[in-house]
Amino acid sequence: MLRIALILALLTAAGALVVTQFVTKPKVVELDENLKTTTENLNQTTTAKNKAESEAKAAKAAAEATAKELASTKTERDTAQEEAAKQTARADKLNNDLTTVTKARNEAQQELAQWQALTIKPDQVRVLQADLKKTTEQRDELEVLKKGVEKMLARTEAELRKYKGDDTIVEMPGLKGKVVSTDSQWNFVVLDVGENGGAKPGGIVMVRRGDKLVGKARIMTVEANRSIANLLPDWKQGDVAVAAGDAVLY
């Protein structure tokens, strides 16, 4: 019995060995090959992933560099445009200045040609200018003297007419003014218009209040900006008295 049991045990062990050799071993080999394949695939996938990540980083860096370069290029373009605008404005100004200078030069050349045609030398021109200035000053002095003499003559003639009772009309075109004050005792008025405004001794002015004539007056004394006139009794308008503020005109 024991021998049979031993034989059976050996047969069982041999059978297990056969099963292991012909069934389990191929499965192990297959699993080992699958593991190698999976490992290789994983390595390839990891390599591809790392490559993709590296390429993505490179692409991102390139994009950022391109964006910076674009921004820099835009800034340079704007700066170039501003500089171009400045240079254009400067060129326009220089062109205008050149036109002005050219015109002035041409005018100077024409004036020089005119002087040359007169055969007058520069030093003679200075002498002529000095003579002209002196003559002009003398003319102005004579004009002032003339006006002074005319004023004195007018005053003298007015005084003569006053004492002789001459009724010659004294022209004072455009004269306008106002009564500043009155003196009822001596029957005269002070006017705010004088020699500068055209007033002349002996001239007769109308005194008006609005549209109504309230009297007439003869100018007796004339100063630069005021004059004194006697009210003419023949032109008194009833009980209406000339008052300050009334208008006077010739």
Protein backbone atom coordinates (compact mmCIF):
# COMPACT_ATOMS: atom_id res chain seq x y z
CA MET A 1 0.00 0.00 0.00
CA LEU A 2 2.68 2.29 0.97
CA ARG A 3 4.37 1.67 -2.31
CA ILE A 4 1.22 2.42 -4.21
CA ALA A 5 0.76 5.67 -2.30
CA LEU A 6 4.32 6.67 -3.07
CA ILE A 7 3.85 5.92 -6.71
CA LEU A 8 0.67 7.95 -6.76
CA ALA A 9 2.48 10.84 -5.09
CA LEU A 10 5.25 10.69 -7.68
CA LEU A 11 2.73 10.59 -10.48
CA THR A 12 0.91 13.57 -9.01
CA ALA A 13 4.14 15.50 -8.73
CA ALA A 14 5.10 14.60 -12.27
CA GLY A 15 1.70 15.68 -13.46
CA ALA A 16 2.02 18.99 -11.69
CA LEU A 17 5.42 19.43 -13.21
CA VAL A 18 4.06 18.69 -16.64
CA VAL A 19 1.22 21.15 -16.11
CA THR A 20 3.67 23.77 -14.92
CA GLN A 21 5.97 23.15 -17.87
CA PHE A 22 3.35 23.10 -20.60
CA VAL A 23 0.57 25.38 -19.19
CA THR A 24 1.89 27.76 -16.55
CA LYS A 25 5.27 28.49 -18.16
CA PRO A 26 3.77 29.82 -21.41
CA LYS A 27 1.45 32.04 -19.38
CA VAL A 28 4.42 33.35 -17.39
CA VAL A 29 6.39 33.93 -20.56
CA GLU A 30 3.40 35.69 -22.09
CA LEU A 31 2.94 37.83 -19.01
CA ASP A 32 6.63 38.65 -19.02
CA GLU A 33 6.48 39.68 -22.66
CA ASN A 34 3.35 41.73 -22.00
CA LEU A 35 5.14 43.43 -19.12
CA LYS A 36 8.10 44.24 -21.34
CA THR A 37 5.77 45.58 -24.05
CA THR A 38 3.81 47.62 -21.54
CA THR A 39 7.03 48.92 -20.05
CA GLU A 40 8.32 49.91 -23.51
CA ASN A 41 5.02 51.55 -24.36
CA LEU A 42 5.07 53.38 -21.04
CA ASN A 43 8.64 54.53 -21.70
CA GLN A 44 7.67 55.66 -25.21
CA THR A 45 4.60 57.43 -23.86
CA THR A 46 6.67 59.11 -21.16
CA THR A 47 9.28 60.13 -23.73
CA ALA A 48 6.55 61.48 -26.03
CA LYS A 49 4.94 63.30 -23.12
CA ASN A 50 8.23 64.83 -22.07
CA LYS A 51 8.93 65.78 -25.68
CA ALA A 52 5.46 67.29 -26.04
CA GLU A 53 5.89 69.25 -22.80
CA SER A 54 9.30 70.45 -23.93
CA GLU A 55 7.91 71.49 -27.30
CA ALA A 56 4.96 73.22 -25.60
CA LYS A 57 7.35 75.13 -23.33
CA ALA A 58 9.48 76.08 -26.33
CA ALA A 59 6.38 77.16 -28.26
CA LYS A 60 5.17 79.23 -25.29
CA ALA A 61 8.61 80.84 -24.92
CA ALA A 62 8.67 81.53 -28.66
CA ALA A 63 5.17 83.04 -28.48
CA GLU A 64 6.16 85.25 -25.54
CA ALA A 65 9.33 86.29 -27.36
CA THR A 66 7.29 87.03 -30.49
CA ALA A 67 4.80 89.10 -28.44
CA LYS A 68 7.64 91.08 -26.84
CA GLU A 69 9.26 91.58 -30.22
CA LEU A 70 5.90 92.71 -31.66
CA ALA A 71 5.40 95.16 -28.80
CA SER A 72 8.93 96.45 -29.25
CA THR A 73 8.38 96.74 -32.99
CA LYS A 74 5.14 98.67 -32.41
CA THR A 75 6.89 101.03 -30.02
CA GLU A 76 9.71 101.54 -32.52
CA ARG A 77 7.14 102.14 -35.25
CA ASP A 78 5.29 104.73 -33.15
CA THR A 79 8.58 106.40 -32.27
CA ALA A 80 9.59 106.40 -35.93
CA GLN A 81 6.24 107.91 -36.91
CA GLU A 82 6.59 110.65 -34.28
CA GLU A 83 10.13 111.36 -35.40
CA ALA A 84 8.97 111.43 -39.02
CA ALA A 85 6.23 113.92 -38.10
CA LYS A 86 8.79 116.11 -36.30
CA GLN A 87 11.17 115.96 -39.23
CA THR A 88 8.31 116.82 -41.62
CA ALA A 89 7.34 119.83 -39.49
CA ARG A 90 10.97 120.89 -39.29
CA ALA A 91 11.32 120.54 -43.05
CA ASP A 92 8.17 122.64 -43.57
CA LYS A 93 9.50 125.33 -41.23
CA LEU A 94 12.87 125.35 -42.94
CA ASN A 95 11.11 125.60 -46.28
CA ASN A 96 9.02 128.54 -45.06
CA ASP A 97 12.12 130.18 -43.58
CA LEU A 98 13.93 129.66 -46.85
CA THR A 99 11.04 131.25 -48.75
CA THR A 100 11.03 134.23 -46.37
CA VAL A 101 14.79 134.66 -46.52
CA THR A 102 14.77 134.32 -50.30
CA LYS A 103 12.05 136.98 -50.57
CA ALA A 104 13.96 139.31 -48.24
CA ARG A 105 17.16 138.72 -50.21
CA ASN A 106 15.42 139.48 -53.51
CA GLU A 107 13.90 142.65 -52.09
CA ALA A 108 17.28 143.70 -50.71
CA GLN A 109 18.89 143.04 -54.08
CA GLN A 110 16.20 145.10 -55.81
CA GLU A 111 16.64 147.95 -53.33
CA LEU A 112 20.42 147.75 -53.75
CA ALA A 113 20.02 147.86 -57.52
CA GLN A 114 17.85 150.97 -57.18
CA TRP A 115 20.46 152.67 -55.02
CA GLN A 116 23.18 151.65 -57.43
CA ALA A 117 21.13 153.09 -60.28
CA LEU A 118 21.13 156.41 -58.41
CA THR A 119 24.93 156.24 -58.16
CA ILE A 120 24.74 157.09 -54.46
CA LYS A 121 27.31 155.59 -52.14
CA PRO A 122 26.43 154.17 -48.70
CA ASP A 123 28.14 157.02 -46.82
CA GLN A 124 26.15 159.52 -48.90
CA VAL A 125 22.96 157.66 -48.01
CA ARG A 126 23.72 158.13 -44.31
CA VAL A 127 24.26 161.84 -44.87
CA LEU A 128 20.98 162.11 -46.77
CA GLN A 129 19.17 160.24 -44.00
CA ALA A 130 20.58 162.64 -41.40
CA ASP A 131 19.57 165.64 -43.52
CA LEU A 132 16.09 164.20 -44.01
CA LYS A 133 15.70 163.63 -40.25
CA LYS A 134 16.84 167.18 -39.54
CA THR A 135 14.52 168.62 -42.18
CA THR A 136 11.60 166.59 -40.79
CA GLU A 137 12.28 167.86 -37.27
CA GLN A 138 12.44 171.44 -38.55
CA ARG A 139 9.18 170.92 -40.44
CA ASP A 140 7.49 169.60 -37.29
CA GLU A 141 8.77 172.56 -35.28
CA LEU A 142 7.46 174.99 -37.90
CA GLU A 143 4.11 173.17 -37.88
CA VAL A 144 3.88 173.57 -34.11
CA LEU A 145 4.80 177.25 -34.39
CA LYS A 146 2.25 177.70 -37.16
CA LYS A 147 -0.53 176.20 -35.06
CA GLY A 148 0.46 178.39 -32.12
CA VAL A 149 0.43 181.51 -34.28
CA GLU A 150 -2.96 180.54 -35.74
CA LYS A 151 -4.39 180.09 -32.24
CA MET A 152 -2.99 183.43 -31.12
CA LEU A 153 -4.36 185.08 -34.24
CA ALA A 154 -7.80 183.53 -33.68
CA ARG A 155 -7.82 184.72 -30.08
CA THR A 156 -6.71 188.19 -31.09
CA GLU A 157 -9.40 188.38 -33.76
CA ALA A 158 -12.01 187.19 -31.26
CA GLU A 159 -10.92 189.84 -28.76
CA LEU A 160 -11.13 192.49 -31.46
CA ARG A 161 -14.61 191.36 -32.43
CA LYS A 162 -15.64 191.42 -28.78
CA TYR A 163 -14.52 195.01 -28.31
CA LYS A 164 -15.69 196.20 -31.72
CA GLY A 165 -19.05 194.48 -31.45
CA ASP A 166 -18.36 192.54 -34.67
CA ASP A 167 -21.01 189.87 -35.39
CA THR A 168 -18.84 187.87 -37.77
CA ILE A 169 -19.80 184.18 -37.59
CA VAL A 170 -17.09 181.93 -36.14
CA GLU A 171 -17.22 178.46 -37.65
CA MET A 172 -16.98 175.53 -35.22
CA PRO A 173 -18.19 172.52 -37.22
CA GLY A 174 -18.88 169.37 -35.25
CA LEU A 175 -18.56 170.99 -31.82
CA LYS A 176 -20.52 169.16 -29.10
CA GLY A 177 -20.40 169.34 -25.33
CA LYS A 178 -22.32 169.92 -22.12
CA VAL A 179 -22.89 172.67 -19.60
CA VAL A 180 -20.79 171.92 -16.51
CA SER A 181 -21.97 174.79 -14.30
CA THR A 182 -23.84 178.08 -14.51
CA ASP A 183 -23.68 181.49 -12.85
CA SER A 184 -27.07 183.22 -12.87
CA GLN A 185 -25.66 186.40 -11.30
CA TRP A 186 -23.17 187.06 -14.09
CA ASN A 187 -25.13 185.15 -16.68
CA PHE A 188 -22.36 182.82 -17.94
CA VAL A 189 -21.84 179.09 -18.20
CA VAL A 190 -18.83 176.74 -18.11
CA LEU A 191 -18.65 174.13 -20.89
CA ASP A 192 -16.79 170.80 -20.92
CA VAL A 193 -15.45 171.40 -24.43
CA GLY A 194 -12.43 173.54 -25.20
CA GLU A 195 -9.88 174.20 -27.89
CA ASN A 196 -9.15 170.47 -28.31
CA GLY A 197 -12.83 169.93 -29.08
CA GLY A 198 -13.05 172.74 -31.63
CA ALA A 199 -14.25 175.61 -29.41
CA LYS A 200 -13.20 179.10 -30.56
CA PRO A 201 -13.55 182.52 -28.94
CA GLY A 202 -16.51 184.40 -30.38
CA GLY A 203 -18.27 181.23 -31.51
CA ILE A 204 -21.97 180.91 -30.72
CA VAL A 205 -23.42 177.60 -29.49
CA MET A 206 -26.99 176.44 -29.01
CA VAL A 207 -28.03 175.12 -25.61
CA ARG A 208 -30.57 172.31 -25.77
CA ARG A 209 -32.44 170.20 -23.24
CA GLY A 210 -33.57 167.11 -25.08
CA ASP A 211 -35.19 168.35 -28.29
CA LYS A 212 -35.94 171.80 -26.91
CA LEU A 213 -33.80 174.93 -27.43
CA VAL A 214 -33.32 176.64 -24.05
CA GLY A 215 -30.82 179.33 -25.05
CA LYS A 216 -27.68 180.39 -26.89
CA ALA A 217 -24.26 181.44 -25.64
CA ARG A 218 -21.17 183.14 -27.05
CA ILE A 219 -17.84 181.59 -26.15
CA MET A 220 -15.56 184.16 -24.58
CA THR A 221 -12.62 182.28 -23.05
CA VAL A 222 -11.17 179.02 -24.36
CA GLU A 223 -8.83 176.59 -22.63
CA ALA A 224 -7.61 173.18 -23.77
CA ASN A 225 -10.58 171.16 -22.49
CA ARG A 226 -13.11 173.72 -21.30
CA SER A 227 -14.48 177.12 -22.17
CA ILE A 228 -16.58 179.93 -20.66
CA ALA A 229 -19.51 181.40 -22.58
CA ASN A 230 -21.89 184.31 -21.94
CA LEU A 231 -25.59 183.54 -22.28
CA LEU A 232 -27.28 185.71 -24.93
CA PRO A 233 -30.29 187.50 -23.36
CA ASP A 234 -32.18 187.68 -26.65
CA TRP A 235 -32.36 183.87 -26.73
CA LYS A 236 -33.66 183.31 -23.21
CA GLN A 237 -36.72 181.02 -23.37
CA GLY A 238 -39.16 182.54 -20.89
CA ASP A 239 -38.65 181.29 -17.35
CA VAL A 240 -36.58 178.29 -18.53
CA ALA A 241 -33.02 178.71 -17.23
CA VAL A 242 -29.94 177.01 -18.66
CA ALA A 243 -28.75 174.33 -16.21
CA ALA A 244 -25.82 171.96 -15.74
CA GLY A 245 -26.21 168.89 -17.96
CA ASP A 246 -27.79 170.76 -20.88
CA ALA A 247 -26.22 169.89 -24.21
CA VAL A 248 -24.37 172.45 -26.32
CA LEU A 249 -23.63 172.19 -30.03
CA TYR A 250 -22.69 174.42 -32.87
